[in-house]
């Protein structure tokens, strides 16, 4: 896989997270009844940053959790047996749930997240925040909050790196080699 371009650096990610946070607070008229749920693994880091930014702005601790969507995926039948690693220790009933993911591509991860949350309880509403929307949807899913729209080719891959996991904050596009494209 060949690195093609740097799409976002650390400061661009910081600004995108701040903008998404302001938009969440504006749309929901503050932080009341909000909870933030990140999809494992990088979505959790971004969700935690949003929750921290909400506290900085509103002095309100919103409920925050991590969501393992593996048991709810429809495109990875072999993974269905894995144990869930979700850490949602609060009721979602009647809450405004903001699902956070790093990259929105086909929409299947988001559909699985919706199913996983509905298995816990019935929220007042669910909203979707993504750092990168790369297009190519297979399902009718649209994010409410977007850090950056990045039109891509099917043969490209968007990689989000976060300090907490990867040691750096950036978003990069990689081009699959002709051999790798056979497996896309």
C-alpha atoms as a PDB file:
ATOM      1  CA  UNK A   1       0.000   0.000   0.000  1.00  0.00           C
ATOM      2  CA  UNK A   2       1.420   3.346  -1.053  1.00  0.00           C
ATOM      3  CA  UNK A   3       0.818   6.593   0.863  1.00  0.00           C
ATOM      4  CA  UNK A   4      -0.878   9.022  -1.460  1.00  0.00           C
ATOM      5  CA  UNK A   5      -1.697  12.139   0.588  1.00  0.00           C
ATOM      6  CA  UNK A   6      -1.939  13.674   4.040  1.00  0.00           C
ATOM      7  CA  UNK A   7      -5.541  14.872   4.380  1.00  0.00           C
ATOM      8  CA  UNK A   8      -5.590  16.195   7.960  1.00  0.00           C
ATOM      9  CA  UNK A   9      -2.799  16.956  10.406  1.00  0.00           C
ATOM     10  CA  UNK A  10      -3.041  17.316  14.194  1.00  0.00           C
ATOM     11  CA  UNK A  11      -4.335  20.884  14.126  1.00  0.00           C
ATOM     12  CA  UNK A  12      -6.928  20.085  11.437  1.00  0.00           C
ATOM     13  CA  UNK A  13      -8.236  17.175  13.527  1.00  0.00           C
ATOM     14  CA  UNK A  14      -8.359  19.371  16.644  1.00  0.00           C
ATOM     15  CA  UNK A  15     -10.344  22.029  14.752  1.00  0.00           C
ATOM     16  CA  UNK A  16     -12.705  19.407  13.282  1.00  0.00           C
ATOM     17  CA  UNK A  17     -13.409  17.919  16.728  1.00  0.00           C
ATOM     18  CA  UNK A  18     -14.069  21.412  18.135  1.00  0.00           C
ATOM     19  CA  UNK A  19     -16.409  22.277  15.232  1.00  0.00           C
ATOM     20  CA  UNK A  20     -18.295  18.982  15.570  1.00  0.00           C
ATOM     21  CA  UNK A  21     -18.672  19.609  19.317  1.00  0.00           C
ATOM     22  CA  UNK A  22     -20.081  23.104  18.768  1.00  0.00           C
ATOM     23  CA  UNK A  23     -22.504  21.750  16.165  1.00  0.00           C
ATOM     24  CA  UNK A  24     -23.659  18.981  18.538  1.00  0.00           C
ATOM     25  CA  UNK A  25     -24.293  21.506  21.317  1.00  0.00           C
ATOM     26  CA  UNK A  26     -26.085  23.901  18.977  1.00  0.00           C
ATOM     27  CA  UNK A  27     -28.352  21.258  17.425  1.00  0.00           C
ATOM     28  CA  UNK A  28     -29.222  19.750  20.811  1.00  0.00           C
ATOM     29  CA  UNK A  29     -29.545  23.121  22.588  1.00  0.00           C
ATOM     30  CA  UNK A  30     -26.849  22.239  25.103  1.00  0.00           C
ATOM     31  CA  UNK A  31     -25.687  19.028  26.716  1.00  0.00           C
ATOM     32  CA  UNK A  32     -28.855  17.972  28.569  1.00  0.00           C
ATOM     33  CA  UNK A  33     -29.850  14.357  27.860  1.00  0.00           C
ATOM     34  CA  UNK A  34     -26.796  13.862  25.618  1.00  0.00           C
ATOM     35  CA  UNK A  35     -24.581  10.808  25.638  1.00  0.00           C
ATOM     36  CA  UNK A  36     -21.592  10.164  23.412  1.00  0.00           C
ATOM     37  CA  UNK A  37     -20.840   6.638  22.152  1.00  0.00           C
ATOM     38  CA  UNK A  38     -17.693   5.865  20.187  1.00  0.00           C
ATOM     39  CA  UNK A  39     -17.325   2.874  17.873  1.00  0.00           C
ATOM     40  CA  UNK A  40     -14.222   0.840  18.730  1.00  0.00           C
ATOM     41  CA  UNK A  41     -11.454   1.708  18.336  1.00  0.00           C
ATOM     42  CA  UNK A  42     -10.599   5.149  16.949  1.00  0.00           C
ATOM     43  CA  UNK A  43     -14.211   6.317  17.205  1.00  0.00           C
ATOM     44  CA  UNK A  44     -13.890   5.883  20.976  1.00  0.00           C
ATOM     45  CA  UNK A  45     -10.885   8.227  21.094  1.00  0.00           C
ATOM     46  CA  UNK A  46     -12.706  10.847  19.031  1.00  0.00           C
ATOM     47  CA  UNK A  47     -15.854  10.452  21.161  1.00  0.00           C
ATOM     48  CA  UNK A  48     -13.835  10.973  24.327  1.00  0.00           C
ATOM     49  CA  UNK A  49     -12.339  14.147  22.864  1.00  0.00           C
ATOM     50  CA  UNK A  50     -15.834  15.408  22.042  1.00  0.00           C
ATOM     51  CA  UNK A  51     -17.048  14.597  25.574  1.00  0.00           C
ATOM     52  CA  UNK A  52     -14.049  16.464  27.030  1.00  0.00           C
ATOM     53  CA  UNK A  53     -14.707  19.464  24.783  1.00  0.00           C
ATOM     54  CA  UNK A  54     -18.363  19.504  25.884  1.00  0.00           C
ATOM     55  CA  UNK A  55     -17.165  19.631  29.496  1.00  0.00           C
ATOM     56  CA  UNK A  56     -14.778  22.508  28.669  1.00  0.00           C
ATOM     57  CA  UNK A  57     -17.586  24.486  27.044  1.00  0.00           C
ATOM     58  CA  UNK A  58     -20.607  23.604  29.217  1.00  0.00           C
ATOM     59  CA  UNK A  59     -19.099  22.260  32.478  1.00  0.00           C
ATOM     60  CA  UNK A  60     -21.334  19.219  32.045  1.00  0.00           C
ATOM     61  CA  UNK A  61     -20.077  15.633  32.171  1.00  0.00           C
ATOM     62  CA  UNK A  62     -22.013  13.778  29.479  1.00  0.00           C
ATOM     63  CA  UNK A  63     -22.337  10.012  29.620  1.00  0.00           C
ATOM     64  CA  UNK A  64     -19.637   8.454  27.481  1.00  0.00           C
ATOM     65  CA  UNK A  65     -19.152   4.874  26.303  1.00  0.00           C
ATOM     66  CA  UNK A  66     -17.370   2.582  23.882  1.00  0.00           C
ATOM     67  CA  UNK A  67     -19.319   0.366  21.501  1.00  0.00           C
ATOM     68  CA  UNK A  68     -18.129  -2.956  20.080  1.00  0.00           C
ATOM     69  CA  UNK A  69     -20.223  -3.509  16.954  1.00  0.00           C
ATOM     70  CA  UNK A  70     -18.677  -6.883  16.056  1.00  0.00           C
ATOM     71  CA  UNK A  71     -21.694  -9.009  17.112  1.00  0.00           C
ATOM     72  CA  UNK A  72     -23.988  -6.773  15.020  1.00  0.00           C
ATOM     73  CA  UNK A  73     -22.024  -6.758  11.744  1.00  0.00           C
ATOM     74  CA  UNK A  74     -23.826  -8.305   8.773  1.00  0.00           C
ATOM     75  CA  UNK A  75     -20.710  -8.529   6.605  1.00  0.00           C
ATOM     76  CA  UNK A  76     -18.382 -10.422   8.927  1.00  0.00           C
ATOM     77  CA  UNK A  77     -20.139 -13.648   9.773  1.00  0.00           C
ATOM     78  CA  UNK A  78     -16.979 -15.269  11.180  1.00  0.00           C
ATOM     79  CA  UNK A  79     -16.587 -12.556  13.845  1.00  0.00           C
ATOM     80  CA  UNK A  80     -20.070 -13.055  15.301  1.00  0.00           C
ATOM     81  CA  UNK A  81     -18.711 -15.364  18.041  1.00  0.00           C
ATOM     82  CA  UNK A  82     -16.394 -12.749  19.613  1.00  0.00           C
ATOM     83  CA  UNK A  83     -17.325 -11.345  23.010  1.00  0.00           C
ATOM     84  CA  UNK A  84     -18.537  -7.763  23.159  1.00  0.00           C
ATOM     85  CA  UNK A  85     -16.145  -5.148  24.547  1.00  0.00           C
ATOM     86  CA  UNK A  86     -18.719  -2.394  24.920  1.00  0.00           C
ATOM     87  CA  UNK A  87     -18.514  -0.135  27.952  1.00  0.00           C
ATOM     88  CA  UNK A  88     -21.884   1.563  28.028  1.00  0.00           C
ATOM     89  CA  UNK A  89     -22.744   1.652  31.723  1.00  0.00           C
ATOM     90  CA  UNK A  90     -25.635   4.091  31.532  1.00  0.00           C
ATOM     91  CA  UNK A  91     -29.190   3.891  30.237  1.00  0.00           C
ATOM     92  CA  UNK A  92     -29.743   5.146  26.691  1.00  0.00           C
ATOM     93  CA  UNK A  93     -33.525   5.210  27.099  1.00  0.00           C
ATOM     94  CA  UNK A  94     -34.863   8.669  26.246  1.00  0.00           C
ATOM     95  CA  UNK A  95     -31.336  10.053  25.670  1.00  0.00           C
ATOM     96  CA  UNK A  96     -29.924  11.825  22.649  1.00  0.00           C
ATOM     97  CA  UNK A  97     -27.187   9.409  21.565  1.00  0.00           C
ATOM     98  CA  UNK A  98     -24.366  10.720  19.393  1.00  0.00           C
ATOM     99  CA  UNK A  99     -22.545   7.833  17.697  1.00  0.00           C
ATOM    100  CA  UNK A 100     -18.948   8.727  16.798  1.00  0.00           C
ATOM    101  CA  UNK A 101     -16.818   6.943  14.198  1.00  0.00           C
ATOM    102  CA  UNK A 102     -13.565   7.818  12.472  1.00  0.00           C
ATOM    103  CA  UNK A 103     -14.445   7.086   8.809  1.00  0.00           C
ATOM    104  CA  UNK A 104     -17.848   6.662   7.179  1.00  0.00           C
ATOM    105  CA  UNK A 105     -17.616   4.480   4.083  1.00  0.00           C
ATOM    106  CA  UNK A 106     -20.347   1.952   3.209  1.00  0.00           C
ATOM    107  CA  UNK A 107     -22.519   2.691   6.256  1.00  0.00           C
ATOM    108  CA  UNK A 108     -22.433  -0.883   7.549  1.00  0.00           C
ATOM    109  CA  UNK A 109     -20.550  -0.022  10.753  1.00  0.00           C
ATOM    110  CA  UNK A 110     -23.097   2.686  11.533  1.00  0.00           C
ATOM    111  CA  UNK A 111     -26.005   0.328  10.888  1.00  0.00           C
ATOM    112  CA  UNK A 112     -24.412  -2.184  13.264  1.00  0.00           C
ATOM    113  CA  UNK A 113     -23.958   0.570  15.874  1.00  0.00           C
ATOM    114  CA  UNK A 114     -27.626   1.515  15.600  1.00  0.00           C
ATOM    115  CA  UNK A 115     -28.635  -2.127  16.123  1.00  0.00           C
ATOM    116  CA  UNK A 116     -26.269  -2.438  19.095  1.00  0.00           C
ATOM    117  CA  UNK A 117     -27.681   0.668  20.777  1.00  0.00           C
ATOM    118  CA  UNK A 118     -31.273  -0.407  20.167  1.00  0.00           C
ATOM    119  CA  UNK A 119     -30.417  -3.723  21.864  1.00  0.00           C
ATOM    120  CA  UNK A 120     -29.536  -1.718  25.004  1.00  0.00           C
ATOM    121  CA  UNK A 121     -32.584   0.556  25.008  1.00  0.00           C
ATOM    122  CA  UNK A 122     -34.633   3.013  23.015  1.00  0.00           C
ATOM    123  CA  UNK A 123     -33.050   6.464  22.823  1.00  0.00           C
ATOM    124  CA  UNK A 124     -34.970   9.636  22.096  1.00  0.00           C
ATOM    125  CA  UNK A 125     -32.843   9.994  18.963  1.00  0.00           C
ATOM    126  CA  UNK A 126     -29.525   8.922  17.473  1.00  0.00           C
ATOM    127  CA  UNK A 127     -27.137  11.181  15.626  1.00  0.00           C
ATOM    128  CA  UNK A 128     -23.938  10.347  13.770  1.00  0.00           C
ATOM    129  CA  UNK A 129     -20.628  12.216  13.936  1.00  0.00           C
ATOM    130  CA  UNK A 130     -17.680  11.177  11.751  1.00  0.00           C
ATOM    131  CA  UNK A 131     -14.237  12.645  11.325  1.00  0.00           C
ATOM    132  CA  UNK A 132     -14.097  11.672   7.622  1.00  0.00           C
ATOM    133  CA  UNK A 133     -16.914  10.952   5.172  1.00  0.00           C
ATOM    134  CA  UNK A 134     -15.375   9.250   2.139  1.00  0.00           C
ATOM    135  CA  UNK A 135     -18.566   8.407   0.244  1.00  0.00           C
ATOM    136  CA  UNK A 136     -19.412   5.088  -1.457  1.00  0.00           C
ATOM    137  CA  UNK A 137     -22.453   4.342   0.719  1.00  0.00           C
ATOM    138  CA  UNK A 138     -24.180   0.970   0.421  1.00  0.00           C
ATOM    139  CA  UNK A 139     -26.901   1.887   2.920  1.00  0.00           C
ATOM    140  CA  UNK A 140     -29.036   5.033   3.225  1.00  0.00           C
ATOM    141  CA  UNK A 141     -27.011   6.526   6.092  1.00  0.00           C
ATOM    142  CA  UNK A 142     -25.926  10.147   6.302  1.00  0.00           C
ATOM    143  CA  UNK A 143     -23.872  11.738   9.092  1.00  0.00           C
ATOM    144  CA  UNK A 144     -25.228  14.666  11.082  1.00  0.00           C
ATOM    145  CA  UNK A 145     -21.729  16.009  11.827  1.00  0.00           C
ATOM    146  CA  UNK A 146     -18.711  15.720   9.508  1.00  0.00           C
ATOM    147  CA  UNK A 147     -15.133  16.750  10.174  1.00  0.00           C
ATOM    148  CA  UNK A 148     -14.141  16.555   6.498  1.00  0.00           C
ATOM    149  CA  UNK A 149     -15.633  15.212   3.258  1.00  0.00           C
ATOM    150  CA  UNK A 150     -12.941  13.337   1.337  1.00  0.00           C
ATOM    151  CA  UNK A 151     -14.039  12.002  -2.059  1.00  0.00           C
ATOM    152  CA  UNK A 152     -12.095   8.803  -2.700  1.00  0.00           C
ATOM    153  CA  UNK A 153     -11.790   6.057  -5.244  1.00  0.00           C
ATOM    154  CA  UNK A 154     -12.870   2.546  -4.284  1.00  0.00           C
ATOM    155  CA  UNK A 155      -9.218   1.484  -4.596  1.00  0.00           C
ATOM    156  CA  UNK A 156      -8.083   3.998  -1.977  1.00  0.00           C
ATOM    157  CA  UNK A 157      -8.030   3.573   1.781  1.00  0.00           C
ATOM    158  CA  UNK A 158      -8.439   6.315   4.384  1.00  0.00           C
ATOM    159  CA  UNK A 159      -6.425   5.761   7.555  1.00  0.00           C
ATOM    160  CA  UNK A 160      -7.087   7.787  10.704  1.00  0.00           C
ATOM    161  CA  UNK A 161      -4.290   7.806  13.265  1.00  0.00           C
ATOM    162  CA  UNK A 162      -4.788   9.088  16.818  1.00  0.00           C
ATOM    163  CA  UNK A 163      -2.123   9.761  19.440  1.00  0.00           C
ATOM    164  CA  UNK A 164      -3.733   7.509  22.017  1.00  0.00           C
ATOM    165  CA  UNK A 165      -3.415   4.436  19.755  1.00  0.00           C
ATOM    166  CA  UNK A 166      -0.931   5.295  16.998  1.00  0.00           C
ATOM    167  CA  UNK A 167       1.306   7.947  18.575  1.00  0.00           C
ATOM    168  CA  UNK A 168       0.252  10.690  16.137  1.00  0.00           C
ATOM    169  CA  UNK A 169      -2.864  12.529  14.952  1.00  0.00           C
ATOM    170  CA  UNK A 170      -3.393  12.523  11.188  1.00  0.00           C
ATOM    171  CA  UNK A 171      -5.608  11.324   8.351  1.00  0.00           C
ATOM    172  CA  UNK A 172      -3.935   9.862   5.276  1.00  0.00           C
ATOM    173  CA  UNK A 173      -5.053   8.328   1.992  1.00  0.00           C
ATOM    174  CA  UNK A 174      -3.315   5.232   0.706  1.00  0.00           C
ATOM    175  CA  UNK A 175      -3.509   3.737  -2.777  1.00  0.00           C
ATOM    176  CA  UNK A 176      -3.766  -0.028  -3.060  1.00  0.00           C
ATOM    177  CA  UNK A 177      -1.216  -1.628  -5.350  1.00  0.00           C
ATOM    178  CA  UNK A 178      -2.600  -3.565  -8.374  1.00  0.00           C
ATOM    179  CA  UNK A 179      -2.046  -6.850  -6.492  1.00  0.00           C
ATOM    180  CA  UNK A 180      -3.963  -5.573  -3.443  1.00  0.00           C
ATOM    181  CA  UNK A 181      -6.842  -4.329  -5.608  1.00  0.00           C
ATOM    182  CA  UNK A 182      -7.723  -7.934  -6.411  1.00  0.00           C
ATOM    183  CA  UNK A 183      -8.739  -8.338  -2.766  1.00  0.00           C
ATOM    184  CA  UNK A 184     -10.703  -5.075  -2.322  1.00  0.00           C
END
